[in-house]
Every structure is written in C-alpha cells, then in structure tokens.
Amino acid sequence: MTWTALEVYDSVQVVPDDDLKPHSLIHCECHPRFEGGIFIHNSFDGREATETLLPS
C-alpha cells in the first residue's frame, strides 16, 4: 500500500492511496495529525498497524 505527498497551497499533506474512503484536504474525517509542518492523514483501512517504518 502506498501514500502520496501533496503540496496544497502552503502545506504538504500525506494521504493514503486507494483507501476505503476518499480523503478531504480540508477538515478530513480521518483527523490527520500535524507533524513537522506536514499533515499526515490516517488511513480508513488501518494500514498503519502493519506497516514498518524505513530507517532514516
């Protein structure tokens, strides 16, 4: 499963691709968190529970 980074006006938003429901870039019902200047959306399909972070 993949994610896409979108540059929207003065912000960057990371949204999951091919999720169960579409995401809104304004007032999304997934309640995205704001971290380091980036809005990170939560998936509706729960993919975060099984993903492994890549080493930085």
PDB file of N, CA and C in Angstrom:
ATOM      1  N   MET A   1       0.839  -1.172   0.000  1.00  0.00           N
ATOM      2  CA  MET A   1       0.000   0.000   0.000  1.00  0.00           C
ATOM      3  C   MET A   1       0.886   1.238   0.000  1.00  0.00           C
ATOM      4  N   THR A   2       0.448   2.228  -0.706  1.00  0.00           N
ATOM      5  CA  THR A   2       1.294   3.404  -0.887  1.00  0.00           C
ATOM      6  C   THR A   2       0.609   4.668  -0.370  1.00  0.00           C
ATOM      7  N   TRP A   3       1.423   5.703  -0.249  1.00  0.00           N
ATOM      8  CA  TRP A   3       0.981   7.011   0.204  1.00  0.00           C
ATOM      9  C   TRP A   3       1.449   8.042  -0.807  1.00  0.00           C
ATOM     10  N   THR A   4       0.748   9.160  -0.876  1.00  0.00           N
ATOM     11  CA  THR A   4       1.117  10.245  -1.779  1.00  0.00           C
ATOM     12  C   THR A   4       1.288  11.529  -0.984  1.00  0.00           C
ATOM     13  N   ALA A   5       2.360  12.270  -1.284  1.00  0.00           N
ATOM     14  CA  ALA A   5       2.581  13.582  -0.672  1.00  0.00           C
ATOM     15  C   ALA A   5       2.077  14.634  -1.648  1.00  0.00           C
ATOM     16  N   LEU A   6       1.192  15.484  -1.164  1.00  0.00           N
ATOM     17  CA  LEU A   6       0.595  16.527  -1.990  1.00  0.00           C
ATOM     18  C   LEU A   6       0.979  17.888  -1.445  1.00  0.00           C
ATOM     19  N   GLU A   7       1.362  18.782  -2.333  1.00  0.00           N
ATOM     20  CA  GLU A   7       1.638  20.163  -1.940  1.00  0.00           C
ATOM     21  C   GLU A   7       0.365  20.949  -2.206  1.00  0.00           C
ATOM     22  N   VAL A   8      -0.243  21.439  -1.124  1.00  0.00           N
ATOM     23  CA  VAL A   8      -1.516  22.147  -1.218  1.00  0.00           C
ATOM     24  C   VAL A   8      -1.341  23.536  -0.632  1.00  0.00           C
ATOM     25  N   TYR A   9      -1.378  24.535  -1.487  1.00  0.00           N
ATOM     26  CA  TYR A   9      -1.144  25.918  -1.089  1.00  0.00           C
ATOM     27  C   TYR A   9       0.178  26.008  -0.320  1.00  0.00           C
ATOM     28  N   ASP A  10       0.126  26.352   0.957  1.00  0.00           N
ATOM     29  CA  ASP A  10       1.350  26.499   1.749  1.00  0.00           C
ATOM     30  C   ASP A  10       1.617  25.292   2.633  1.00  0.00           C
ATOM     31  N   SER A  11       0.980  24.153   2.361  1.00  0.00           N
ATOM     32  CA  SER A  11       1.167  22.984   3.222  1.00  0.00           C
ATOM     33  C   SER A  11       1.489  21.742   2.397  1.00  0.00           C
ATOM     34  N   VAL A  12       1.961  20.719   3.092  1.00  0.00           N
ATOM     35  CA  VAL A  12       2.175  19.398   2.489  1.00  0.00           C
ATOM     36  C   VAL A  12       1.262  18.434   3.230  1.00  0.00           C
ATOM     37  N   GLN A  13       0.564  17.575   2.475  1.00  0.00           N
ATOM     38  CA  GLN A  13      -0.323  16.597   3.074  1.00  0.00           C
ATOM     39  C   GLN A  13       0.021  15.225   2.521  1.00  0.00           C
ATOM     40  N   VAL A  14       0.118  14.257   3.421  1.00  0.00           N
ATOM     41  CA  VAL A  14       0.413  12.880   3.032  1.00  0.00           C
ATOM     42  C   VAL A  14      -0.875  12.080   3.206  1.00  0.00           C
ATOM     43  N   VAL A  15      -1.367  11.522   2.097  1.00  0.00           N
ATOM     44  CA  VAL A  15      -2.632  10.784   2.116  1.00  0.00           C
ATOM     45  C   VAL A  15      -2.421   9.364   1.581  1.00  0.00           C
ATOM     46  N   PRO A  16      -3.156   8.396   2.128  1.00  0.00           N
ATOM     47  CA  PRO A  16      -3.028   7.023   1.646  1.00  0.00           C
ATOM     48  C   PRO A  16      -3.694   6.853   0.277  1.00  0.00           C
ATOM     49  N   ASP A  17      -3.051   6.094  -0.595  1.00  0.00           N
ATOM     50  CA  ASP A  17      -3.611   5.788  -1.913  1.00  0.00           C
ATOM     51  C   ASP A  17      -4.596   4.623  -1.795  1.00  0.00           C
ATOM     52  N   ASP A  18      -5.613   4.642  -2.624  1.00  0.00           N
ATOM     53  CA  ASP A  18      -6.585   3.541  -2.721  1.00  0.00           C
ATOM     54  C   ASP A  18      -7.147   3.139  -1.361  1.00  0.00           C
ATOM     55  N   ASP A  19      -7.541   4.121  -0.556  1.00  0.00           N
ATOM     56  CA  ASP A  19      -8.107   3.843   0.752  1.00  0.00           C
ATOM     57  C   ASP A  19      -9.586   3.472   0.618  1.00  0.00           C
ATOM     58  N   LEU A  20     -10.202   3.063   1.720  1.00  0.00           N
ATOM     59  CA  LEU A  20     -11.605   2.650   1.689  1.00  0.00           C
ATOM     60  C   LEU A  20     -12.551   3.800   1.368  1.00  0.00           C
ATOM     61  N   LYS A  21     -12.187   5.012   1.809  1.00  0.00           N
ATOM     62  CA  LYS A  21     -12.987   6.201   1.541  1.00  0.00           C
ATOM     63  C   LYS A  21     -12.057   7.308   1.074  1.00  0.00           C
ATOM     64  N   PRO A  22     -12.585   8.259   0.313  1.00  0.00           N
ATOM     65  CA  PRO A  22     -11.742   9.381  -0.119  1.00  0.00           C
ATOM     66  C   PRO A  22     -11.413  10.316   1.041  1.00  0.00           C
ATOM     67  N   HIS A  23     -10.287  10.996   0.932  1.00  0.00           N
ATOM     68  CA  HIS A  23      -9.838  11.951   1.937  1.00  0.00           C
ATOM     69  C   HIS A  23     -10.051  13.366   1.433  1.00  0.00           C
ATOM     70  N   SER A  24     -10.387  14.257   2.362  1.00  0.00           N
ATOM     71  CA  SER A  24     -10.547  15.662   2.039  1.00  0.00           C
ATOM     72  C   SER A  24      -9.295  16.398   2.491  1.00  0.00           C
ATOM     73  N   LEU A  25      -8.870  17.374   1.733  1.00  0.00           N
ATOM     74  CA  LEU A  25      -7.683  18.134   2.113  1.00  0.00           C
ATOM     75  C   LEU A  25      -8.022  19.269   3.070  1.00  0.00           C
ATOM     76  N   ILE A  26      -9.317  19.446   3.349  1.00  0.00           N
ATOM     77  CA  ILE A  26      -9.784  20.437   4.318  1.00  0.00           C
ATOM     78  C   ILE A  26     -10.784  19.741   5.237  1.00  0.00           C
ATOM     79  N   HIS A  27     -10.514  19.707   6.530  1.00  0.00           N
ATOM     80  CA  HIS A  27     -11.411  19.095   7.526  1.00  0.00           C
ATOM     81  C   HIS A  27     -11.698  17.626   7.216  1.00  0.00           C
ATOM     82  N   CYS A  28     -10.679  16.827   7.033  1.00  0.00           N
ATOM     83  CA  CYS A  28     -10.844  15.408   6.717  1.00  0.00           C
ATOM     84  C   CYS A  28     -11.350  14.656   7.947  1.00  0.00           C
ATOM     85  N   GLU A  29     -12.261  13.718   7.729  1.00  0.00           N
ATOM     86  CA  GLU A  29     -12.822  12.962   8.841  1.00  0.00           C
ATOM     87  C   GLU A  29     -11.857  11.919   9.419  1.00  0.00           C
ATOM     88  N   CYS A  30     -10.681  11.745   8.820  1.00  0.00           N
ATOM     89  CA  CYS A  30      -9.679  10.828   9.380  1.00  0.00           C
ATOM     90  C   CYS A  30      -8.885  11.491  10.506  1.00  0.00           C
ATOM     91  N   HIS A  31      -9.100  12.798  10.712  1.00  0.00           N
ATOM     92  CA  HIS A  31      -8.412  13.582  11.755  1.00  0.00           C
ATOM     93  C   HIS A  31      -6.894  13.503  11.612  1.00  0.00           C
ATOM     94  N   PRO A  32      -6.339  14.049  10.519  1.00  0.00           N
ATOM     95  CA  PRO A  32      -4.889  13.993  10.302  1.00  0.00           C
ATOM     96  C   PRO A  32      -4.129  14.710  11.416  1.00  0.00           C
ATOM     97  N   ARG A  33      -2.912  14.226  11.673  1.00  0.00           N
ATOM     98  CA  ARG A  33      -2.064  14.886  12.674  1.00  0.00           C
ATOM     99  C   ARG A  33      -1.109  15.825  11.946  1.00  0.00           C
ATOM    100  N   PHE A  34      -0.684  16.861  12.631  1.00  0.00           N
ATOM    101  CA  PHE A  34       0.230  17.849  12.081  1.00  0.00           C
ATOM    102  C   PHE A  34       1.576  17.626  12.736  1.00  0.00           C
ATOM    103  N   GLU A  35       2.564  17.229  11.943  1.00  0.00           N
ATOM    104  CA  GLU A  35       3.868  16.849  12.470  1.00  0.00           C
ATOM    105  C   GLU A  35       4.968  17.447  11.601  1.00  0.00           C
ATOM    106  N   GLY A  36       5.806  18.274  12.191  1.00  0.00           N
ATOM    107  CA  GLY A  36       6.919  18.857  11.448  1.00  0.00           C
ATOM    108  C   GLY A  36       6.492  19.661  10.232  1.00  0.00           C
ATOM    109  N   GLY A  37       5.349  20.334  10.315  1.00  0.00           N
ATOM    110  CA  GLY A  37       4.868  21.139   9.199  1.00  0.00           C
ATOM    111  C   GLY A  37       4.134  20.349   8.130  1.00  0.00           C
ATOM    112  N   ILE A  38       3.853  19.074   8.386  1.00  0.00           N
ATOM    113  CA  ILE A  38       3.199  18.207   7.403  1.00  0.00           C
ATOM    114  C   ILE A  38       1.929  17.611   8.010  1.00  0.00           C
ATOM    115  N   PHE A  39       0.834  17.647   7.252  1.00  0.00           N
ATOM    116  CA  PHE A  39      -0.397  16.986   7.665  1.00  0.00           C
ATOM    117  C   PHE A  39      -0.313  15.519   7.231  1.00  0.00           C
ATOM    118  N   ILE A  40      -0.410  14.611   8.195  1.00  0.00           N
ATOM    119  CA  ILE A  40      -0.340  13.178   7.892  1.00  0.00           C
ATOM    120  C   ILE A  40      -1.713  12.575   8.169  1.00  0.00           C
ATOM    121  N   HIS A  41      -2.366  12.140   7.101  1.00  0.00           N
ATOM    122  CA  HIS A  41      -3.700  11.564   7.226  1.00  0.00           C
ATOM    123  C   HIS A  41      -3.621  10.141   7.766  1.00  0.00           C
ATOM    124  N   ASN A  42      -4.662   9.739   8.474  1.00  0.00           N
ATOM    125  CA  ASN A  42      -4.801   8.368   8.958  1.00  0.00           C
ATOM    126  C   ASN A  42      -5.614   7.590   7.933  1.00  0.00           C
ATOM    127  N   SER A  43      -5.246   6.359   7.698  1.00  0.00           N
ATOM    128  CA  SER A  43      -5.983   5.569   6.705  1.00  0.00           C
ATOM    129  C   SER A  43      -7.280   5.050   7.316  1.00  0.00           C
ATOM    130  N   PHE A  44      -8.271   4.825   6.475  1.00  0.00           N
ATOM    131  CA  PHE A  44      -9.527   4.220   6.909  1.00  0.00           C
ATOM    132  C   PHE A  44      -9.416   2.695   6.917  1.00  0.00           C
ATOM    133  N   ASP A  45      -8.425   2.147   6.197  1.00  0.00           N
ATOM    134  CA  ASP A  45      -8.276   0.696   6.142  1.00  0.00           C
ATOM    135  C   ASP A  45      -7.315   0.147   7.198  1.00  0.00           C
ATOM    136  N   GLY A  46      -6.710   1.026   8.015  1.00  0.00           N
ATOM    137  CA  GLY A  46      -5.870   0.588   9.125  1.00  0.00           C
ATOM    138  C   GLY A  46      -4.480   0.124   8.740  1.00  0.00           C
ATOM    139  N   ARG A  47      -3.994   0.511   7.584  1.00  0.00           N
ATOM    140  CA  ARG A  47      -2.691   0.029   7.100  1.00  0.00           C
ATOM    141  C   ARG A  47      -1.526   0.401   8.009  1.00  0.00           C
ATOM    142  N   GLU A  48      -1.669   1.456   8.814  1.00  0.00           N
ATOM    143  CA  GLU A  48      -0.572   1.864   9.707  1.00  0.00           C
ATOM    144  C   GLU A  48      -0.212   0.756  10.695  1.00  0.00           C
ATOM    145  N   ALA A  49      -1.180  -0.080  11.046  1.00  0.00           N
ATOM    146  CA  ALA A  49      -0.948  -1.134  12.038  1.00  0.00           C
ATOM    147  C   ALA A  49       0.026  -2.203  11.550  1.00  0.00           C
ATOM    148  N   THR A  50       0.166  -2.341  10.225  1.00  0.00           N
ATOM    149  CA  THR A  50       1.027  -3.409   9.696  1.00  0.00           C
ATOM    150  C   THR A  50       2.233  -2.897   8.934  1.00  0.00           C
ATOM    151  N   GLU A  51       2.362  -1.563   8.794  1.00  0.00           N
ATOM    152  CA  GLU A  51       3.487  -1.009   8.055  1.00  0.00           C
ATOM    153  C   GLU A  51       4.730  -0.914   8.937  1.00  0.00           C
ATOM    154  N   THR A  52       5.883  -1.032   8.315  1.00  0.00           N
ATOM    155  CA  THR A  52       7.162  -0.896   9.008  1.00  0.00           C
ATOM    156  C   THR A  52       7.834   0.382   8.522  1.00  0.00           C
ATOM    157  N   LEU A  53       8.301   1.194   9.455  1.00  0.00           N
ATOM    158  CA  LEU A  53       8.998   2.427   9.080  1.00  0.00           C
ATOM    159  C   LEU A  53      10.348   2.101   8.476  1.00  0.00           C
ATOM    160  N   LEU A  54      10.721   2.853   7.464  1.00  0.00           N
ATOM    161  CA  LEU A  54      12.047   2.694   6.857  1.00  0.00           C
ATOM    162  C   LEU A  54      13.073   3.429   7.719  1.00  0.00           C
ATOM    163  N   PRO A  55      14.277   2.886   7.822  1.00  0.00           N
ATOM    164  CA  PRO A  55      15.303   3.594   8.601  1.00  0.00           C
ATOM    165  C   PRO A  55      15.664   4.925   7.934  1.00  0.00           C
ATOM    166  N   SER A  56      15.944   5.931   8.757  1.00  0.00           N
ATOM    167  CA  SER A  56      16.272   7.237   8.186  1.00  0.00           C
ATOM    168  C   SER A  56      17.765   7.463   8.150  1.00  0.00           C
TER     169      SER A  56
END
